[in-house]
Protein backbone atom coordinates (compact mmCIF):
# COMPACT_ATOMS: atom_id res chain seq x y z
CA MET A 1 14.87 4.18 32.42
CA LYS A 2 14.47 1.73 29.54
CA GLY A 3 13.80 2.81 25.95
CA PHE A 4 10.39 2.72 24.34
CA LYS A 5 9.04 -0.73 23.50
CA PHE A 6 5.76 -1.05 21.61
CA LYS A 7 4.03 -4.15 22.93
CA LEU A 8 2.04 -4.62 19.74
CA GLN A 9 5.07 -4.39 17.43
CA PRO A 10 4.56 -7.97 16.13
CA VAL A 11 1.01 -7.05 15.10
CA LEU A 12 2.26 -3.89 13.37
CA ASN A 13 4.97 -5.91 11.60
CA TYR A 14 2.38 -8.46 10.44
CA ARG A 15 0.10 -5.75 9.09
CA GLU A 16 2.99 -4.06 7.27
CA LYS A 17 3.99 -7.38 5.74
CA LYS A 18 0.40 -8.10 4.70
CA GLU A 19 0.15 -4.69 3.04
CA ASP A 20 3.43 -5.26 1.16
CA ILE A 21 2.25 -8.66 -0.08
CA LEU A 22 -1.01 -7.15 -1.33
CA LYS A 23 0.86 -4.31 -3.05
CA ARG A 24 2.97 -6.87 -4.93
CA GLU A 25 -0.13 -8.90 -5.78
CA LEU A 26 -1.87 -5.77 -7.07
CA GLY A 27 1.14 -5.03 -9.26
CA GLU A 28 1.09 -8.56 -10.67
CA VAL A 29 -2.64 -8.43 -11.39
CA ARG A 30 -2.19 -5.03 -13.08
CA LYS A 31 0.50 -6.54 -15.32
CA GLU A 32 -1.81 -9.45 -16.11
CA TYR A 33 -4.58 -6.98 -16.97
CA GLU A 34 -2.25 -5.08 -19.31
CA ARG A 35 -1.24 -8.33 -21.05
CA GLU A 36 -4.81 -9.53 -21.50
CA LYS A 37 -6.00 -6.08 -22.61
CA LYS A 38 -3.20 -5.89 -25.17
CA ILE A 39 -4.22 -9.29 -26.58
CA LEU A 40 -7.82 -8.07 -26.84
CA ASP A 41 -6.72 -4.84 -28.54
CA ASN A 42 -4.59 -6.81 -31.01
CA LEU A 43 -7.50 -9.10 -31.85
CA MET A 44 -9.79 -6.12 -32.42
CA GLU A 45 -7.20 -4.43 -34.63
CA ALA A 46 -6.74 -7.65 -36.62
CA LEU A 47 -10.49 -7.92 -37.12
CA GLN A 48 -10.68 -4.31 -38.25
CA ARG A 49 -7.80 -4.77 -40.71
CA SER A 50 -9.40 -7.93 -42.09
CA GLN A 51 -12.75 -6.21 -42.47
CA ASP A 52 -11.08 -3.32 -44.33
CA GLU A 53 -9.26 -5.81 -46.57
CA PHE A 54 -12.52 -7.69 -47.14
CA LYS A 55 -14.29 -4.47 -48.21
CA LYS A 56 -11.52 -3.65 -50.69
CA LYS A 57 -11.65 -7.16 -52.16
CA GLN A 58 -15.45 -7.05 -52.24
CA ILE A 59 -15.31 -4.01 -54.51
CA LYS A 60 -12.97 -5.86 -56.89
CA GLY A 61 -15.11 -8.96 -56.66
CA LEU A 62 -14.82 -12.09 -54.51
CA ASN A 63 -15.34 -15.71 -55.40
CA ILE A 64 -17.30 -18.07 -53.17
CA SER A 65 -14.26 -19.75 -51.64
CA ASP A 66 -12.75 -16.38 -50.57
CA LEU A 67 -16.10 -15.34 -49.15
CA PHE A 68 -16.28 -18.59 -47.17
CA VAL A 69 -12.70 -18.15 -45.86
CA TYR A 70 -13.41 -14.59 -44.73
CA SER A 71 -16.67 -15.62 -43.12
CA CYS A 72 -14.97 -18.41 -41.14
CA TYR A 73 -12.10 -16.12 -40.16
CA PHE A 74 -14.45 -13.35 -38.98
CA THR A 75 -16.43 -15.86 -36.93
CA LYS A 76 -13.27 -17.24 -35.33
CA VAL A 77 -11.82 -13.80 -34.52
CA GLN A 78 -15.14 -12.60 -33.09
CA ASN A 79 -15.25 -15.72 -30.88
CA ASP A 80 -11.65 -15.06 -29.83
CA ILE A 81 -12.56 -11.46 -29.03
CA SER A 82 -15.53 -12.58 -26.92
CA HIS A 83 -13.37 -15.10 -25.08
CA GLN A 84 -10.59 -12.53 -24.53
CA ALA A 85 -13.07 -9.87 -23.38
CA LEU A 86 -14.31 -12.32 -20.77
CA LYS A 87 -10.73 -12.90 -19.60
CA VAL A 88 -10.19 -9.15 -19.32
CA LYS A 89 -13.41 -8.79 -17.33
CA LYS A 90 -12.31 -11.54 -14.91
CA VAL A 91 -8.95 -9.85 -14.40
CA ILE A 92 -10.72 -6.54 -13.73
CA PHE A 93 -12.79 -8.24 -11.01
CA ARG A 94 -9.61 -9.71 -9.49
CA LEU A 95 -7.96 -6.30 -9.70
CA GLU A 96 -10.83 -4.68 -7.81
CA ALA A 97 -10.85 -7.46 -5.20
CA VAL A 98 -7.11 -7.11 -4.53
CA ARG A 99 -7.44 -3.32 -4.45
CA GLU A 100 -10.20 -3.59 -1.82
CA LYS A 101 -8.07 -5.98 0.26
CA LEU A 102 -5.15 -3.56 0.01
CA ILE A 103 -7.31 -0.65 1.15
CA GLY A 104 -8.43 -2.70 4.17
CA ALA A 105 -4.86 -3.77 4.97
CA SER A 106 -3.66 -0.16 4.72
CA LYS A 107 -6.40 0.99 7.11
CA ASP A 108 -5.50 -1.78 9.57
CA LYS A 109 -1.83 -0.78 9.42
CA LYS A 110 -2.67 2.90 9.94
CA VAL A 111 -4.65 2.03 13.08
CA MET A 112 -1.59 0.29 14.51
CA GLU A 113 0.71 3.16 13.47
CA LYS A 114 -1.55 5.68 15.21
CA LEU A 115 -1.54 3.53 18.34
CA TYR A 116 2.25 3.31 18.13
CA ASP A 117 2.53 7.10 17.76
CA LYS A 118 0.15 7.68 20.67
CA GLN A 119 2.03 5.30 22.97
CA TYR A 120 5.38 6.74 21.91
CA GLU A 121 4.14 10.26 22.63
CA GLU A 122 2.91 9.12 26.08
CA PHE A 123 6.33 7.54 26.71
CA CYS A 124 8.09 10.79 25.75
CA GLN A 125 5.80 12.82 28.04
CA MET A 126 6.47 10.41 30.91
CA LEU A 127 10.20 10.67 30.22
CA LEU A 128 10.04 14.47 30.25
CA LYS A 129 8.13 14.45 33.54
CA SER A 130 10.66 12.06 35.03
CA GLU A 131 13.57 14.24 33.87
CA GLN A 132 11.88 17.37 35.23
CA LYS A 133 11.31 15.64 38.57
CA LEU A 134 15.01 14.67 38.69
CA ILE A 135 16.05 18.23 37.84
CA ASP A 136 13.74 19.59 40.55
CA GLU A 137 15.20 17.14 43.10
CA ILE A 138 18.75 18.13 42.16
CA ALA A 139 17.88 21.82 42.41
CA THR A 140 16.14 21.27 45.76
CA SER A 141 19.02 19.24 47.20
CA GLY A 142 21.54 21.88 45.98
CA HIS A 143 19.49 24.60 47.65
CA LYS A 144 19.30 22.53 50.87
CA ARG A 145 23.09 21.99 50.81
CA ARG A 146 23.74 25.70 50.37
CA ARG A 147 21.27 26.51 53.15
CA ILE A 148 22.92 24.00 55.50
CA ALA A 149 26.37 25.33 54.57
CA SER A 150 25.27 28.90 55.25
CA LEU A 151 23.74 27.88 58.62
CA LEU A 152 26.93 26.05 59.56
CA LEU A 153 28.97 29.07 58.51
CA GLU A 154 26.79 31.39 60.60
CA GLU A 155 27.06 29.04 63.55
CA SER A 156 30.83 28.83 63.31
CA GLU A 157 31.12 32.62 63.01
CA GLY A 158 28.81 33.10 65.95
CA ALA A 159 30.86 30.82 68.15
């Protein structure tokens, strides 16, 4: 009897490959999120430091040109923060989209794995039945041989 062959193995292989690709993509998007989030955090820290510095200088007294420089800088950093926050938000949406695709791909793969397991179990049961049938036939033929031998022996003793 031949070994087990899953007829849908190419489909299972495809689904495994698709899941692996999505796992890698999710990892890449997570790294991108971490990079963009770090940039945003750095911008916010820079703004906070500048604001603290501005407050200290304000106490000592600021001239108009320094005030103008700080005002322009704060405006630029706040615009940069808004722009970076938007980038982070877009990456979060991509992250969620890839995560959803991965969940779907994992479910699809699990369906095929369950089918594989079910068919393999059926194959094993069929193999066991076939082996049991062969064992029964061997036992029956051995019993028949012994019975024939004993009948022949009785016949030859009786003659």
